[in-house]
Amino acid sequence: MIKKELAEPSKEKMQTILAKGIFVETILYLMIAFSGYFSMLNETPPLIIVRPKLANSKDYLMLIGRFGVIIKVVTSLTLASAPCRE
């Protein structure tokens, strides 16, 4: 897609555009994270900051949720670069 939009496509131009896109996406993620955290400051419940393991529980659902968030962030950055593979 990026290649089709450029008047003179080159690998360097596509990599520059991709790097800028990933940078902007990272800044947006950080802005959302920091604004969410700093909007509560001392009122942030410990459940969100440091979630201890529940007593007598393996807490698999929380583990699956954490891995899901990690996979989502990693794949969204990877999918953003997919058009540059052509």
Protein backbone atom coordinates (compact mmCIF):
# COMPACT_ATOMS: atom_id res chain seq x y z
CA MET A 1 0.00 0.00 0.00
CA ILE A 2 2.73 2.46 0.88
CA LYS A 3 4.61 1.52 -2.27
CA LYS A 4 1.59 2.29 -4.45
CA GLU A 5 1.10 5.73 -2.90
CA LEU A 6 4.66 6.97 -3.39
CA ALA A 7 5.58 8.75 -6.62
CA GLU A 8 9.08 7.27 -6.51
CA PRO A 9 8.97 4.23 -4.22
CA SER A 10 12.19 3.04 -2.66
CA LYS A 11 13.06 0.81 0.25
CA GLU A 12 14.56 3.73 2.20
CA LYS A 13 11.44 5.90 1.82
CA MET A 14 9.15 3.06 2.90
CA GLN A 15 11.34 2.31 5.92
CA THR A 16 11.31 6.00 6.90
CA ILE A 17 7.52 6.16 6.65
CA LEU A 18 7.19 2.93 8.62
CA ALA A 19 9.54 4.15 11.36
CA LYS A 20 7.58 7.39 11.69
CA GLY A 21 4.32 5.45 11.87
CA ILE A 22 5.62 3.15 14.60
CA PHE A 23 6.97 6.15 16.49
CA VAL A 24 3.59 7.91 16.39
CA GLU A 25 1.81 4.72 17.46
CA THR A 26 4.22 4.26 20.38
CA ILE A 27 3.71 7.86 21.49
CA LEU A 28 -0.07 7.37 21.39
CA TYR A 29 0.18 4.18 23.49
CA LEU A 30 2.39 5.98 26.02
CA MET A 31 0.07 9.01 26.17
CA ILE A 32 -2.93 6.78 26.85
CA ALA A 33 -1.04 4.79 29.49
CA PHE A 34 0.35 7.83 31.32
CA SER A 35 -2.89 9.81 31.18
CA GLY A 36 -4.80 6.84 32.56
CA TYR A 37 -2.31 6.36 35.37
CA PHE A 38 -1.82 10.02 36.26
CA SER A 39 -5.53 10.78 36.18
CA MET A 40 -5.90 8.65 39.33
CA LEU A 41 -2.47 9.08 40.97
CA ASN A 42 -2.80 7.98 44.61
CA GLU A 43 -6.32 6.73 44.02
CA THR A 44 -5.08 3.99 41.69
CA PRO A 45 -6.10 0.75 43.36
CA PRO A 46 -3.31 -1.76 44.05
CA LEU A 47 -5.32 -4.26 42.03
CA ILE A 48 -4.31 -2.37 38.88
CA ILE A 49 -0.69 -1.58 39.75
CA VAL A 50 0.39 -4.80 41.43
CA ARG A 51 -2.16 -7.55 41.22
CA PRO A 52 -1.31 -10.21 43.78
CA LYS A 53 -2.22 -13.79 43.08
CA LEU A 54 -5.54 -14.73 44.63
CA ALA A 55 -5.32 -17.12 47.58
CA ASN A 56 -5.60 -20.77 46.54
CA SER A 57 -6.03 -19.80 42.91
CA LYS A 58 -3.90 -20.31 39.85
CA ASP A 59 -5.52 -17.24 38.24
CA TYR A 60 -5.19 -18.49 34.67
CA LEU A 61 -7.66 -15.95 33.27
CA MET A 62 -5.49 -13.03 34.36
CA LEU A 63 -2.43 -14.70 32.84
CA ILE A 64 -4.29 -15.23 29.55
CA GLY A 65 -5.42 -11.58 29.61
CA ARG A 66 -1.88 -10.31 30.14
CA PHE A 67 -0.54 -12.41 27.27
CA GLY A 68 -3.44 -11.21 25.12
CA VAL A 69 -2.49 -7.58 25.66
CA ILE A 70 1.16 -8.32 24.86
CA ILE A 71 0.22 -10.18 21.67
CA LYS A 72 -2.13 -7.37 20.61
CA VAL A 73 0.54 -4.69 20.98
CA VAL A 74 3.24 -6.74 19.24
CA THR A 75 1.02 -7.79 16.33
CA SER A 76 -0.43 -4.32 15.79
CA LEU A 77 3.08 -2.96 15.21
CA THR A 78 3.91 -5.88 12.95
CA LEU A 79 0.71 -5.50 10.92
CA ALA A 80 1.50 -1.82 10.43
CA SER A 81 4.68 -2.83 8.61
CA ALA A 82 3.13 -5.57 6.46
CA PRO A 83 2.68 -3.35 3.35
CA CYS A 84 6.45 -2.77 3.24
CA ARG A 85 7.19 -6.43 2.61
CA GLU A 86 6.28 -6.22 -1.07
